[in-house]
Amino acid sequence: MREFHTIKETIQDLHEKVEMEAGSITQDQKYFAEYLYGVKNFKPWMEEAETVIKTQLNKPAKLEDAKALLEEVKKFETACQENKGKLDAASESRSKMEKQTKADNEVETLNGRWSLAKKTADERVAKVQALCDTWSELQKVTEGLTETIANIPGSSAPDVATLEVIFKKFKEINDKKVKLLSTI
């Protein structure tokens, strides 16, 4: 009977260990599936994003075009932020696994690619925003210049110094706009 109880206890201990191991494997399978799902969902967007960052931006011909371009680059930047969540979720699922898989961690590679896309998106937003701001300022200066010139015929002593200041400011802003356009 003693031998029977010893064997019974050994088998029960072994059974508990097997159940515990099976539970961790099942949980790891769930986390690995979440990891694979996250990577699978992220990759198509990443490939599309890389195509977008390789494509040159269209140079706007007028302020409205520049504003439309600004909206476009802001949407891309927002998409970068939103899709980073998918990648982070995949990374988190992989890190929760008790027994790490021997499969390559694709998240590290994808993180590098995402960082490049995000950097490009941020640079584009900054450039186009600066262009829109400069163009808007140029438009205001032009309107002020037009108004001042229109008032000259009705004036007995036109203020030429003011015109010179406005023309100088106009030239500076226009040069800045041209420079910004060349960088886009």
N, C-alpha and C. Protein backbone atom coordinates (compact mmCIF):
# COMPACT_ATOMS: atom_id res chain seq x y z
N MET A 1 0.83 -1.20 0.00
CA MET A 1 0.00 0.00 0.00
C MET A 1 0.87 1.26 0.00
N ARG A 2 1.96 1.19 0.76
CA ARG A 2 2.86 2.33 0.80
C ARG A 2 3.40 2.64 -0.60
N GLU A 3 3.79 1.61 -1.31
CA GLU A 3 4.31 1.79 -2.66
C GLU A 3 3.22 2.39 -3.56
N PHE A 4 1.99 1.93 -3.37
CA PHE A 4 0.86 2.47 -4.15
C PHE A 4 0.67 3.96 -3.88
N HIS A 5 0.70 4.39 -2.62
CA HIS A 5 0.54 5.80 -2.26
C HIS A 5 1.71 6.65 -2.79
N THR A 6 2.89 6.10 -2.75
CA THR A 6 4.06 6.81 -3.27
C THR A 6 3.90 7.04 -4.78
N ILE A 7 3.49 5.98 -5.47
CA ILE A 7 3.28 6.08 -6.92
C ILE A 7 2.14 7.06 -7.21
N LYS A 8 1.08 6.99 -6.42
CA LYS A 8 -0.07 7.88 -6.60
C LYS A 8 0.34 9.33 -6.40
N GLU A 9 1.11 9.63 -5.36
CA GLU A 9 1.58 11.01 -5.12
C GLU A 9 2.50 11.49 -6.23
N THR A 10 3.37 10.61 -6.68
CA THR A 10 4.29 10.96 -7.77
C THR A 10 3.50 11.29 -9.03
N ILE A 11 2.50 10.47 -9.31
CA ILE A 11 1.67 10.70 -10.51
C ILE A 11 0.87 11.99 -10.36
N GLN A 12 0.35 12.28 -9.18
CA GLN A 12 -0.40 13.52 -8.96
C GLN A 12 0.52 14.73 -9.11
N ASP A 13 1.73 14.66 -8.57
CA ASP A 13 2.70 15.76 -8.73
C ASP A 13 3.03 15.97 -10.21
N LEU A 14 3.25 14.87 -10.90
CA LEU A 14 3.56 14.93 -12.32
C LEU A 14 2.37 15.52 -13.08
N HIS A 15 1.16 15.12 -12.72
CA HIS A 15 -0.06 15.63 -13.37
C HIS A 15 -0.20 17.15 -13.15
N GLU A 16 0.07 17.63 -11.95
CA GLU A 16 0.00 19.07 -11.65
C GLU A 16 1.02 19.84 -12.46
N LYS A 17 2.22 19.28 -12.56
CA LYS A 17 3.28 19.95 -13.34
C LYS A 17 2.91 20.02 -14.82
N VAL A 18 2.35 18.92 -15.33
CA VAL A 18 1.93 18.89 -16.74
C VAL A 18 0.81 19.89 -16.97
N GLU A 19 -0.17 19.97 -16.08
CA GLU A 19 -1.27 20.93 -16.21
C GLU A 19 -0.75 22.36 -16.18
N MET A 20 0.19 22.62 -15.27
CA MET A 20 0.75 23.97 -15.17
C MET A 20 1.50 24.33 -16.46
N GLU A 21 2.27 23.40 -16.96
CA GLU A 21 3.02 23.63 -18.20
C GLU A 21 2.07 23.81 -19.37
N ALA A 22 1.03 23.00 -19.44
CA ALA A 22 0.04 23.11 -20.52
C ALA A 22 -0.67 24.46 -20.46
N GLY A 23 -0.94 24.94 -19.25
CA GLY A 23 -1.58 26.25 -19.11
C GLY A 23 -0.69 27.36 -19.62
N SER A 24 0.59 27.27 -19.34
CA SER A 24 1.49 28.33 -19.80
C SER A 24 1.67 28.26 -21.31
N ILE A 25 1.67 27.05 -21.88
CA ILE A 25 1.80 26.92 -23.33
C ILE A 25 0.57 27.50 -24.02
N THR A 26 -0.61 27.21 -23.49
CA THR A 26 -1.84 27.73 -24.07
C THR A 26 -1.83 29.27 -24.03
N GLN A 27 -1.40 29.83 -22.92
CA GLN A 27 -1.33 31.28 -22.79
C GLN A 27 -0.29 31.84 -23.77
N ASP A 28 0.85 31.16 -23.89
CA ASP A 28 1.88 31.61 -24.82
C ASP A 28 1.38 31.54 -26.26
N GLN A 29 0.60 30.52 -26.57
CA GLN A 29 0.05 30.42 -27.92
C GLN A 29 -0.87 31.60 -28.20
N LYS A 30 -1.65 31.99 -27.21
CA LYS A 30 -2.56 33.14 -27.36
C LYS A 30 -1.74 34.40 -27.62
N TYR A 31 -0.70 34.62 -26.81
CA TYR A 31 0.13 35.81 -26.98
C TYR A 31 0.87 35.79 -28.33
N PHE A 32 1.33 34.62 -28.73
CA PHE A 32 2.03 34.52 -30.01
C PHE A 32 1.07 34.80 -31.16
N ALA A 33 -0.16 34.31 -31.05
CA ALA A 33 -1.17 34.59 -32.08
C ALA A 33 -1.46 36.09 -32.15
N GLU A 34 -1.56 36.75 -30.99
CA GLU A 34 -1.77 38.20 -30.97
C GLU A 34 -0.59 38.93 -31.61
N TYR A 35 0.60 38.46 -31.31
CA TYR A 35 1.82 39.04 -31.90
C TYR A 35 1.77 38.92 -33.42
N LEU A 36 1.51 37.71 -33.92
CA LEU A 36 1.47 37.49 -35.37
C LEU A 36 0.37 38.33 -36.02
N TYR A 37 -0.78 38.42 -35.36
CA TYR A 37 -1.90 39.21 -35.89
C TYR A 37 -1.52 40.69 -35.99
N GLY A 38 -0.88 41.20 -34.93
CA GLY A 38 -0.46 42.60 -34.92
C GLY A 38 0.54 42.91 -36.02
N VAL A 39 1.51 42.04 -36.19
CA VAL A 39 2.53 42.23 -37.23
C VAL A 39 1.88 42.14 -38.61
N LYS A 40 1.00 41.17 -38.77
CA LYS A 40 0.32 40.98 -40.06
C LYS A 40 -0.52 42.19 -40.43
N ASN A 41 -1.18 42.80 -39.45
CA ASN A 41 -1.99 44.00 -39.72
C ASN A 41 -1.14 45.23 -39.97
N PHE A 42 0.03 45.28 -39.39
CA PHE A 42 0.88 46.46 -39.50
C PHE A 42 1.66 46.50 -40.82
N LYS A 43 2.09 45.35 -41.29
CA LYS A 43 2.97 45.29 -42.48
C LYS A 43 2.38 45.96 -43.73
N PRO A 44 1.11 45.73 -44.09
CA PRO A 44 0.59 46.39 -45.30
C PRO A 44 0.62 47.92 -45.18
N TRP A 45 0.27 48.43 -44.00
CA TRP A 45 0.32 49.88 -43.83
C TRP A 45 1.76 50.36 -43.96
N MET A 46 2.70 49.63 -43.39
CA MET A 46 4.10 50.03 -43.42
C MET A 46 4.60 50.10 -44.85
N GLU A 47 4.24 49.12 -45.66
CA GLU A 47 4.66 49.11 -47.07
C GLU A 47 4.06 50.29 -47.82
N GLU A 48 2.80 50.59 -47.53
CA GLU A 48 2.14 51.74 -48.15
C GLU A 48 2.80 53.04 -47.69
N ALA A 49 3.13 53.12 -46.41
CA ALA A 49 3.78 54.32 -45.87
C ALA A 49 5.15 54.54 -46.51
N GLU A 50 5.88 53.47 -46.73
CA GLU A 50 7.20 53.60 -47.36
C GLU A 50 7.06 54.10 -48.79
N THR A 51 6.01 53.70 -49.47
CA THR A 51 5.75 54.20 -50.82
C THR A 51 5.45 55.70 -50.76
N VAL A 52 4.67 56.10 -49.78
CA VAL A 52 4.31 57.52 -49.63
C VAL A 52 5.55 58.36 -49.34
N ILE A 53 6.44 57.90 -48.46
CA ILE A 53 7.61 58.73 -48.12
C ILE A 53 8.63 58.78 -49.25
N LYS A 54 8.58 57.81 -50.16
CA LYS A 54 9.49 57.84 -51.30
C LYS A 54 8.97 58.75 -52.41
N THR A 55 7.67 59.05 -52.36
CA THR A 55 7.05 59.90 -53.38
C THR A 55 7.29 61.36 -53.05
N GLN A 56 7.72 62.12 -54.06
CA GLN A 56 7.94 63.55 -53.87
C GLN A 56 6.59 64.26 -53.71
N LEU A 57 6.59 65.29 -52.88
CA LEU A 57 5.38 66.09 -52.71
C LEU A 57 5.19 66.99 -53.93
N ASN A 58 3.94 67.24 -54.29
CA ASN A 58 3.64 68.16 -55.39
C ASN A 58 3.85 69.59 -54.89
N LYS A 59 4.52 70.39 -55.70
CA LYS A 59 4.74 71.79 -55.33
C LYS A 59 3.43 72.56 -55.55
N PRO A 60 2.94 73.20 -54.52
CA PRO A 60 1.68 73.93 -54.65
C PRO A 60 1.86 75.19 -55.51
N ALA A 61 0.82 75.50 -56.28
CA ALA A 61 0.86 76.67 -57.15
C ALA A 61 0.24 77.89 -56.48
N LYS A 62 -0.60 77.65 -55.49
CA LYS A 62 -1.25 78.76 -54.79
C LYS A 62 -1.45 78.36 -53.33
N LEU A 63 -1.86 79.32 -52.53
CA LEU A 63 -2.03 79.11 -51.09
C LEU A 63 -3.03 77.99 -50.79
N GLU A 64 -4.10 77.92 -51.53
CA GLU A 64 -5.10 76.87 -51.31
C GLU A 64 -4.50 75.49 -51.54
N ASP A 65 -3.64 75.37 -52.56
CA ASP A 65 -2.96 74.10 -52.82
C ASP A 65 -2.03 73.75 -51.66
N ALA A 66 -1.36 74.74 -51.13
CA ALA A 66 -0.44 74.53 -49.99
C ALA A 66 -1.23 74.07 -48.77
N LYS A 67 -2.40 74.66 -48.55
CA LYS A 67 -3.23 74.24 -47.41
C LYS A 67 -3.74 72.82 -47.59
N ALA A 68 -4.11 72.47 -48.81
CA ALA A 68 -4.56 71.10 -49.09
C ALA A 68 -3.40 70.11 -48.88
N LEU A 69 -2.21 70.50 -49.29
CA LEU A 69 -1.03 69.66 -49.08
C LEU A 69 -0.74 69.50 -47.58
N LEU A 70 -0.93 70.57 -46.84
CA LEU A 70 -0.72 70.52 -45.39
C LEU A 70 -1.70 69.51 -44.75
N GLU A 71 -2.94 69.52 -45.16
CA GLU A 71 -3.91 68.56 -44.64
C GLU A 71 -3.50 67.13 -44.98
N GLU A 72 -3.00 66.95 -46.19
CA GLU A 72 -2.57 65.62 -46.63
C GLU A 72 -1.41 65.10 -45.78
N VAL A 73 -0.40 65.93 -45.55
CA VAL A 73 0.74 65.46 -44.76
C VAL A 73 0.38 65.29 -43.29
N LYS A 74 -0.57 66.09 -42.80
CA LYS A 74 -1.03 65.90 -41.42
C LYS A 74 -1.79 64.59 -41.27
N LYS A 75 -2.57 64.21 -42.28
CA LYS A 75 -3.28 62.93 -42.24
C LYS A 75 -2.29 61.77 -42.19
N PHE A 76 -1.22 61.88 -42.97
CA PHE A 76 -0.20 60.83 -42.97
C PHE A 76 0.49 60.74 -41.61
N GLU A 77 0.78 61.90 -41.02
CA GLU A 77 1.40 61.91 -39.70
C GLU A 77 0.48 61.27 -38.65
N THR A 78 -0.81 61.57 -38.73
CA THR A 78 -1.79 60.98 -37.81
C THR A 78 -1.86 59.47 -38.02
N ALA A 79 -1.83 59.03 -39.27
CA ALA A 79 -1.85 57.59 -39.56
C ALA A 79 -0.61 56.90 -38.97
N CYS A 80 0.52 57.59 -39.00
CA CYS A 80 1.73 57.03 -38.39
C CYS A 80 1.51 56.79 -36.90
N GLN A 81 0.96 57.77 -36.23
CA GLN A 81 0.71 57.64 -34.78
C GLN A 81 -0.27 56.51 -34.49
N GLU A 82 -1.35 56.45 -35.26
CA GLU A 82 -2.38 55.43 -35.02
C GLU A 82 -1.84 54.02 -35.25
N ASN A 83 -1.04 53.84 -36.28
CA ASN A 83 -0.53 52.52 -36.60
C ASN A 83 0.59 52.08 -35.67
N LYS A 84 1.22 53.01 -35.00
CA LYS A 84 2.24 52.65 -34.01
C LYS A 84 1.62 51.83 -32.89
N GLY A 85 0.37 52.08 -32.58
CA GLY A 85 -0.35 51.33 -31.55
C GLY A 85 -0.43 49.84 -31.89
N LYS A 86 -0.65 49.52 -33.16
CA LYS A 86 -0.71 48.12 -33.58
C LYS A 86 0.63 47.44 -33.34
N LEU A 87 1.69 48.15 -33.67
CA LEU A 87 3.03 47.60 -33.51
C LEU A 87 3.38 47.43 -32.03
N ASP A 88 3.00 48.40 -31.23
CA ASP A 88 3.26 48.31 -29.79
C ASP A 88 2.48 47.15 -29.16
N ALA A 89 1.24 46.94 -29.61
CA ALA A 89 0.44 45.84 -29.08
C ALA A 89 1.07 44.49 -29.44
N ALA A 90 1.60 44.37 -30.63
CA ALA A 90 2.27 43.13 -31.04
C ALA A 90 3.51 42.90 -30.18
N SER A 91 4.27 43.94 -29.94
CA SER A 91 5.47 43.84 -29.12
C SER A 91 5.13 43.45 -27.69
N GLU A 92 4.06 44.04 -27.17
CA GLU A 92 3.64 43.74 -25.81
C GLU A 92 3.19 42.29 -25.67
N SER A 93 2.47 41.79 -26.67
CA SER A 93 2.03 40.40 -26.64
C SER A 93 3.22 39.45 -26.65
N ARG A 94 4.21 39.76 -27.44
CA ARG A 94 5.41 38.92 -27.49
C ARG A 94 6.15 38.95 -26.16
N SER A 95 6.22 40.10 -25.54
CA SER A 95 6.95 40.20 -24.27
C SER A 95 6.23 39.49 -23.12
N LYS A 96 4.93 39.27 -23.24
CA LYS A 96 4.16 38.59 -22.19
C LYS A 96 4.37 37.08 -22.20
N MET A 97 4.93 36.56 -23.27
CA MET A 97 5.11 35.12 -23.38
C MET A 97 6.10 34.63 -22.33
N GLU A 98 5.74 33.52 -21.66
CA GLU A 98 6.63 32.94 -20.66
C GLU A 98 7.83 32.27 -21.32
N LYS A 99 7.57 31.54 -22.37
CA LYS A 99 8.63 30.85 -23.11
C LYS A 99 8.74 31.55 -24.46
N GLN A 100 9.79 32.32 -24.62
CA GLN A 100 9.97 33.08 -25.85
C GLN A 100 10.16 32.14 -27.04
N THR A 101 9.56 32.52 -28.14
CA THR A 101 9.69 31.75 -29.36
C THR A 101 11.06 31.99 -29.99
N LYS A 102 11.48 31.06 -30.80
CA LYS A 102 12.77 31.22 -31.48
C LYS A 102 12.61 31.99 -32.79
N ALA A 103 11.38 32.26 -33.16
CA ALA A 103 11.11 33.03 -34.38
C ALA A 103 11.66 34.44 -34.23
N ASP A 104 12.12 35.01 -35.34
CA ASP A 104 12.66 36.37 -35.31
C ASP A 104 11.61 37.36 -34.82
N ASN A 105 12.08 38.32 -34.07
CA ASN A 105 11.19 39.37 -33.58
C ASN A 105 11.09 40.44 -34.67
N GLU A 106 10.03 40.40 -35.44
CA GLU A 106 9.85 41.34 -36.55
C GLU A 106 9.55 42.75 -36.07
N VAL A 107 9.13 42.88 -34.83
CA VAL A 107 8.76 44.19 -34.30
C VAL A 107 9.96 45.14 -34.31
N GLU A 108 11.14 44.63 -33.99
CA GLU A 108 12.33 45.48 -33.97
C GLU A 108 12.60 46.09 -35.34
N THR A 109 12.54 45.26 -36.37
CA THR A 109 12.75 45.74 -37.74
C THR A 109 11.67 46.74 -38.14
N LEU A 110 10.42 46.40 -37.82
CA LEU A 110 9.30 47.28 -38.17
C LEU A 110 9.37 48.60 -37.41
N ASN A 111 9.86 48.57 -36.18
CA ASN A 111 10.03 49.81 -35.41
C ASN A 111 11.00 50.76 -36.11
N GLY A 112 12.08 50.23 -36.63
CA GLY A 112 13.05 51.06 -37.36
C GLY A 112 12.43 51.67 -38.61
N ARG A 113 11.67 50.88 -39.33
CA ARG A 113 11.01 51.38 -40.54
C ARG A 113 9.96 52.42 -40.18
N TRP A 114 9.22 52.17 -39.09
CA TRP A 114 8.20 53.13 -38.66
C TRP A 114 8.86 54.45 -38.25
N SER A 115 9.97 54.38 -37.54
CA SER A 115 10.66 55.60 -37.10
C SER A 115 11.06 56.47 -38.29
N LEU A 116 11.53 55.84 -39.35
CA LEU A 116 11.89 56.59 -40.56
C LEU A 116 10.66 57.25 -41.18
N ALA A 117 9.56 56.51 -41.24
CA ALA A 117 8.31 57.07 -41.80
C ALA A 117 7.82 58.24 -40.94
N LYS A 118 7.87 58.09 -39.63
CA LYS A 118 7.41 59.15 -38.72
C LYS A 118 8.29 60.38 -38.84
N LYS A 119 9.59 60.17 -38.93
CA LYS A 119 10.53 61.29 -39.07
C LYS A 119 10.23 62.07 -40.36
N THR A 120 10.02 61.34 -41.44
CA THR A 120 9.70 61.99 -42.72
C THR A 120 8.38 62.74 -42.62
N ALA A 121 7.38 62.14 -41.97
CA ALA A 121 6.07 62.78 -41.82
C ALA A 121 6.21 64.08 -41.02
N ASP A 122 6.96 64.03 -39.93
CA ASP A 122 7.16 65.22 -39.11
C ASP A 122 7.87 66.33 -39.88
N GLU A 123 8.90 65.96 -40.65
CA GLU A 123 9.63 66.95 -41.45
C GLU A 123 8.72 67.58 -42.50
N ARG A 124 7.92 66.75 -43.13
CA ARG A 124 7.01 67.28 -44.16
C ARG A 124 5.98 68.23 -43.56
N VAL A 125 5.43 67.86 -42.42
CA VAL A 125 4.44 68.74 -41.78
C VAL A 125 5.09 70.08 -41.43
N ALA A 126 6.30 70.04 -40.89
CA ALA A 126 6.98 71.28 -40.51
C ALA A 126 7.25 72.16 -41.74
N LYS A 127 7.73 71.56 -42.83
CA LYS A 127 8.03 72.32 -44.04
C LYS A 127 6.77 72.95 -44.65
N VAL A 128 5.74 72.14 -44.78
CA VAL A 128 4.51 72.64 -45.41
C VAL A 128 3.82 73.66 -44.51
N GLN A 129 3.88 73.46 -43.20
CA GLN A 129 3.29 74.43 -42.28
C GLN A 129 4.02 75.77 -42.41
N ALA A 130 5.35 75.73 -42.47
CA ALA A 130 6.14 76.96 -42.63
C ALA A 130 5.78 77.64 -43.96
N LEU A 131 5.61 76.85 -45.01
CA LEU A 131 5.24 77.41 -46.31
C LEU A 131 3.86 78.08 -46.23
N CYS A 132 2.91 77.42 -45.63
CA CYS A 132 1.55 78.00 -45.51
C CYS A 132 1.58 79.29 -44.70
N ASP A 133 2.32 79.28 -43.60
CA ASP A 133 2.42 80.49 -42.77
C ASP A 133 3.05 81.64 -43.55
N THR A 134 4.13 81.34 -44.26
CA THR A 134 4.82 82.37 -45.04
C THR A 134 3.93 82.89 -46.15
N TRP A 135 3.25 81.98 -46.81
CA TRP A 135 2.38 82.37 -47.92
C TRP A 135 1.22 83.24 -47.42
N SER A 136 0.67 82.89 -46.27
CA SER A 136 -0.41 83.70 -45.69
C SER A 136 0.09 85.09 -45.33
N GLU A 137 1.28 85.15 -44.75
CA GLU A 137 1.88 86.44 -44.41
C GLU A 137 2.13 87.26 -45.67
N LEU A 138 2.61 86.61 -46.72
CA LEU A 138 2.85 87.29 -47.99
C LEU A 138 1.55 87.85 -48.56
N GLN A 139 0.49 87.09 -48.43
CA GLN A 139 -0.81 87.53 -48.93
C GLN A 139 -1.27 88.79 -48.18
N LYS A 140 -1.07 88.81 -46.85
CA LYS A 140 -1.46 89.98 -46.06
C LYS A 140 -0.63 91.20 -46.44
N VAL A 141 0.68 91.01 -46.64
CA VAL A 141 1.55 92.12 -47.02
C VAL A 141 1.15 92.64 -48.40
N THR A 142 0.84 91.73 -49.31
CA THR A 142 0.42 92.13 -50.65
C THR A 142 -0.87 92.95 -50.60
N GLU A 143 -1.81 92.52 -49.78
CA GLU A 143 -3.06 93.27 -49.64
C GLU A 143 -2.79 94.65 -49.06
N GLY A 144 -1.92 94.74 -48.07
CA GLY A 144 -1.55 96.05 -47.49
C GLY A 144 -0.86 96.93 -48.51
N LEU A 145 0.00 96.34 -49.31
CA LEU A 145 0.71 97.09 -50.36
C LEU A 145 -0.28 97.60 -51.40
N THR A 146 -1.19 96.76 -51.79
CA THR A 146 -2.21 97.16 -52.79
C THR A 146 -3.04 98.30 -52.25
N GLU A 147 -3.44 98.21 -51.00
CA GLU A 147 -4.24 99.27 -50.38
C GLU A 147 -3.46 100.59 -50.32
N THR A 148 -2.21 100.51 -49.93
CA THR A 148 -1.37 101.71 -49.83
C THR A 148 -1.18 102.35 -51.21
N ILE A 149 -0.92 101.53 -52.23
CA ILE A 149 -0.74 102.06 -53.58
C ILE A 149 -2.04 102.66 -54.09
N ALA A 150 -3.16 102.05 -53.78
CA ALA A 150 -4.47 102.56 -54.23
C ALA A 150 -4.78 103.92 -53.60
N ASN A 151 -4.25 104.18 -52.40
CA ASN A 151 -4.49 105.45 -51.72
C ASN A 151 -3.57 106.58 -52.18
N ILE A 152 -2.53 106.27 -52.91
CA ILE A 152 -1.56 107.29 -53.35
C ILE A 152 -2.19 108.38 -54.22
N PRO A 153 -3.00 108.03 -55.25
CA PRO A 153 -3.54 109.10 -56.10
C PRO A 153 -4.40 110.11 -55.33
N GLY A 154 -5.07 109.71 -54.28
CA GLY A 154 -5.92 110.62 -53.51
C GLY A 154 -5.16 111.41 -52.47
N SER A 155 -3.90 111.09 -52.29
CA SER A 155 -3.09 111.74 -51.26
C SER A 155 -2.32 112.92 -51.86
N SER A 156 -2.23 114.02 -51.09
CA SER A 156 -1.49 115.19 -51.59
C SER A 156 0.02 114.98 -51.43
N ALA A 157 0.43 114.23 -50.38
CA ALA A 157 1.86 113.98 -50.15
C ALA A 157 2.02 112.49 -49.81
N PRO A 158 2.19 111.63 -50.84
CA PRO A 158 2.30 110.19 -50.58
C PRO A 158 3.55 109.88 -49.74
N ASP A 159 3.41 108.92 -48.85
CA ASP A 159 4.50 108.50 -47.97
C ASP A 159 5.29 107.39 -48.66
N VAL A 160 6.31 107.79 -49.38
CA VAL A 160 7.13 106.86 -50.15
C VAL A 160 7.95 105.96 -49.22
N ALA A 161 8.34 106.45 -48.07
CA ALA A 161 9.12 105.66 -47.11
C ALA A 161 8.33 104.42 -46.66
N THR A 162 7.04 104.62 -46.43
CA THR A 162 6.20 103.49 -46.03
C THR A 162 6.13 102.46 -47.15
N LEU A 163 6.00 102.94 -48.39
CA LEU A 163 5.99 102.04 -49.53
C LEU A 163 7.28 101.24 -49.62
N GLU A 164 8.40 101.91 -49.40
CA GLU A 164 9.69 101.23 -49.45
C GLU A 164 9.78 100.14 -48.39
N VAL A 165 9.30 100.41 -47.19
CA VAL A 165 9.31 99.41 -46.11
C VAL A 165 8.44 98.22 -46.49
N ILE A 166 7.25 98.52 -47.04
CA ILE A 166 6.33 97.45 -47.42
C ILE A 166 6.94 96.62 -48.55
N PHE A 167 7.54 97.28 -49.55
CA PHE A 167 8.18 96.56 -50.66
C PHE A 167 9.33 95.68 -50.15
N LYS A 168 10.11 96.20 -49.22
CA LYS A 168 11.24 95.45 -48.67
C LYS A 168 10.73 94.20 -47.94
N LYS A 169 9.67 94.38 -47.13
CA LYS A 169 9.09 93.26 -46.41
C LYS A 169 8.51 92.24 -47.39
N PHE A 170 7.85 92.75 -48.44
CA PHE A 170 7.29 91.89 -49.48
C PHE A 170 8.38 91.05 -50.12
N LYS A 171 9.50 91.68 -50.46
CA LYS A 171 10.61 90.97 -51.10
C LYS A 171 11.18 89.90 -50.17
N GLU A 172 11.36 90.21 -48.89
CA GLU A 172 11.91 89.25 -47.93
C GLU A 172 10.99 88.03 -47.79
N ILE A 173 9.71 88.29 -47.65
CA ILE A 173 8.76 87.19 -47.47
C ILE A 173 8.65 86.37 -48.74
N ASN A 174 8.65 87.03 -49.88
CA ASN A 174 8.57 86.31 -51.15
C ASN A 174 9.81 85.43 -51.35
N ASP A 175 10.98 85.95 -51.03
CA ASP A 175 12.21 85.16 -51.13
C ASP A 175 12.14 83.93 -50.22
N LYS A 176 11.60 84.12 -49.03
CA LYS A 176 11.45 83.02 -48.07
C LYS A 176 10.49 81.97 -48.63
N LYS A 177 9.39 82.43 -49.25
CA LYS A 177 8.41 81.52 -49.84
C LYS A 177 9.04 80.70 -50.95
N VAL A 178 9.80 81.36 -51.81
CA VAL A 178 10.46 80.68 -52.93
C VAL A 178 11.45 79.62 -52.39
N LYS A 179 12.17 80.00 -51.36
CA LYS A 179 13.13 79.06 -50.74
C LYS A 179 12.40 77.86 -50.15
N LEU A 180 11.30 78.10 -49.45
CA LEU A 180 10.53 77.00 -48.86
C LEU A 180 9.92 76.10 -49.94
N LEU A 181 9.45 76.70 -51.03
CA LEU A 181 8.90 75.91 -52.14
C LEU A 181 9.96 74.98 -52.73
N SER A 182 11.19 75.46 -52.78
CA SER A 182 12.24 74.63 -53.36
C SER A 182 12.61 73.44 -52.48
N THR A 183 12.33 73.52 -51.18
CA THR A 183 12.65 72.41 -50.29
C THR A 183 11.57 71.35 -50.25
N ILE A 184 10.41 71.64 -50.78
CA ILE A 184 9.30 70.66 -50.75
C ILE A 184 9.45 69.70 -51.91
